[in-house]
Amino acid sequence: MTTKLRYDDFAIVTRSRTLAAPVGTAEALSALAVELLEKALRDRHAPVRLLGVYVGKLAREAQLELPLE
């Protein structure tokens, strides 16, 4: 996952992390996005014009099929 911040002076900062295991919930993804955002803001505390979040290597969750009688 990557967060990308564009500050008021148009400087761009990115923070990213590759996870070791798959994530299955939106809550886990949003928690990681907030963590990366907070890290970027600690490094440079200034007004932000734009915030982007990128998530890659998505896969469909396997579904089980149950036989119907």
Protein backbone atom coordinates (compact mmCIF):
# COMPACT_ATOMS: atom_id res chain seq x y z
CA MET A 1 0.00 0.00 0.00
CA THR A 2 1.18 3.51 -0.75
CA THR A 3 0.00 6.90 0.42
CA LYS A 4 0.88 9.97 -1.61
CA LEU A 5 0.59 13.49 -0.21
CA ARG A 6 0.79 16.72 -2.16
CA TYR A 7 1.47 19.67 0.09
CA ASP A 8 0.36 23.26 -0.33
CA ASP A 9 3.69 24.11 -2.04
CA PHE A 10 3.09 21.17 -4.47
CA ALA A 11 5.88 19.06 -2.95
CA ILE A 12 5.01 15.35 -3.11
CA VAL A 13 5.82 12.77 -0.45
CA THR A 14 5.03 9.05 -0.58
CA ARG A 15 5.08 6.41 2.13
CA SER A 16 4.58 2.72 1.38
CA ARG A 17 4.60 -0.69 2.97
CA THR A 18 4.45 -4.19 1.53
CA LEU A 19 2.54 -6.61 3.71
CA ALA A 20 3.82 -10.12 4.35
CA ALA A 21 0.35 -11.66 4.41
CA PRO A 22 -2.94 -10.98 2.62
CA VAL A 23 -5.42 -8.57 4.19
CA GLY A 24 -9.09 -9.45 4.15
CA THR A 25 -10.88 -6.43 5.59
CA ALA A 26 -11.41 -2.81 4.68
CA GLU A 27 -10.69 -1.92 8.31
CA ALA A 28 -7.17 -3.38 8.07
CA LEU A 29 -6.50 -1.46 4.85
CA SER A 30 -7.81 1.81 6.28
CA ALA A 31 -5.75 1.36 9.47
CA LEU A 32 -2.60 0.91 7.38
CA ALA A 33 -3.46 3.95 5.24
CA VAL A 34 -3.88 6.07 8.40
CA GLU A 35 -0.58 4.75 9.78
CA LEU A 36 1.26 5.72 6.59
CA LEU A 37 -0.45 9.13 6.55
CA GLU A 38 0.55 9.80 10.16
CA LYS A 39 4.14 8.83 9.36
CA ALA A 40 4.27 11.26 6.44
CA LEU A 41 2.79 14.06 8.56
CA ARG A 42 5.34 13.43 11.35
CA ASP A 43 8.13 13.81 8.79
CA ARG A 44 6.70 17.06 7.43
CA HIS A 45 3.90 18.84 9.23
CA ALA A 46 2.38 21.23 6.67
CA PRO A 47 -1.01 21.80 4.98
CA VAL A 48 -1.93 19.02 2.52
CA ARG A 49 -3.63 19.78 -0.82
CA LEU A 50 -4.22 16.22 -1.98
CA LEU A 51 -4.06 12.74 -0.49
CA GLY A 52 -4.02 9.52 -2.48
CA VAL A 53 -4.01 5.87 -1.42
CA TYR A 54 -2.88 3.05 -3.72
CA VAL A 55 -3.47 -0.64 -3.07
CA GLY A 56 -1.95 -3.15 -5.47
CA LYS A 57 -1.83 -6.89 -6.11
CA LEU A 58 -5.49 -7.40 -5.34
CA ALA A 59 -6.98 -10.86 -5.74
CA ARG A 60 -10.48 -12.23 -5.67
CA GLU A 61 -11.38 -14.09 -2.54
CA ALA A 62 -12.04 -17.76 -3.12
CA GLN A 63 -15.64 -18.72 -2.62
CA LEU A 64 -16.91 -22.09 -1.59
CA GLU A 65 -19.77 -23.66 -3.49
CA LEU A 66 -22.18 -25.70 -1.46
CA PRO A 67 -24.26 -28.35 -3.19
CA LEU A 68 -27.99 -27.64 -3.14
CA GLU A 69 -30.37 -30.51 -2.62
